[in-house]
């Protein structure tokens, strides 16, 4: 009954909106155009060619509508002075391949198209919003209803435009997924090992939300074990893409403060984020995010330290069918730090972070070869707390150096990579990605720390190497790199090449 009532309302609306006739004058001949509103017609910017043939005028108008993305547009010649443009109207939404909360969330978004003309840009916008829901992979199709006009004979201006059903087909809708990874901390291959388990559940409380939990255990190298746990909840708020995300983490370890003397260490963090897509399509996105965060540290026998901060981020991404893409982000963070163990880091601070990435397909070398440039940096005039300092070294940037070899109030890192993908046709391997890289970076502080070796006034590093990742069937994978440091360590020692390996199993 509700669907019938909605259909009647849409029919009345469409008749009222498109009842006004539009007249074209070509060579002193008047041609009336039905089925399109004055606003829609003016948006076409249609300039009549020097012909009064109704068939040619109809063809030109339909071609213009198609170029503007109205995929269902048709034109009929009623007489030599009357044209009917049938753009179609979406009146029904049907969702297949998913049930429960996820289906309700998808229907809520897709129904924004009811009463709208089938237009590529609008369809793409709504489909992108649907696929932004956790665990959803959907496609669209249009199906004409039985009242689709197939023959203009006997047509009168009171006839309705064609109605369409929007078919939303969801495939690979994952209720939950997870992974386990085994690796070693940089430069500690098989010595300081790390196991990470991650599990995600989709559409738990409402459709499109997710809860993700992660646990990491680090052990070996004659050091005390370390445990880390985190929990994240993502919640879509409105159909237009507004969302919120909450994250909490906890770290427990024992720090060696003197030979054979260790102290318990605890770290906690909480963040809350609200995000909104200013615009979003399948190949271009501009998001704005606002967040609030807390970081706290406590070491046995010492005073607590904490950081409270607010941040705002603009994030932009664009990609094209040729495989090129660009990503940029700008973040402004302002906060307050409190620490009795390091009085220099007390007080308010503000810093700016900028990140950018660019991928360019090197088609002149091969279809699956690309150049990747990526980097990010931090700038401030303040002395920021340890939790907000810029860190050099790790498994992703400046590969080959120890994690946290240097830190600073200001800093930047970048990587240049040339990569080639291989695809296999066998029962074991899926594909591999092999790349050569050059990593660079620097940090700076207002002055050198007389106690800590990793806080210089200024230090720059770079490394070169090769990296690869291979996807294996049944959810297995292996990745790693060989990094060659081109600079000495923070104690003036020569650093040998380092190997990093990571094994994964996903489900």
Foldseek 3Di string as FASTA:
>chain_A
DVLVVLVVVLQVVQCVQFVDWDWDAAPNAIAIEGRDHPVRVVVLVDDDDNDLAPVVVQVVVQVSCVVQFLVQWHKDDLDSRYIYIFSEFERAEDEDDDDDQQVVLLCQLVCVRHSHGRGPVVVQQSQQLSVLQPQWDKDKDKDWDPLADDDCVVPDSSDTHTYIYIYIYTPRRDQKKWKKKKWAWAPQGVFWIKIKIKMKGAQDPGHRKMKMKMKMWIDGPPFWIKIKIKIKIKAQDDSQRKIKMKMKMKIWTWDPPDVVDTWIKIKIKIKMKIKGWPGDGPFKTKMKMKMWMKIKMDIPPFDIKMKTKIKIKIKIKGDDPLGKIKIKMKMKMKIAIDGPVDVQQGGIWIKMKIWMKIKDQPPVVHSFKIKIKIKMWMDTPGFHDPVPWDADDTFPAQRQAGTRLATANIKMKMKIKIKGKDADDDQWWGIKIKIKMKMKMKHAYPAQDPPDLRYHRIDIWMKIWMWMKTATPQAKIKIKIWIATPAATSVRHHGGIIIIMMIMGMD
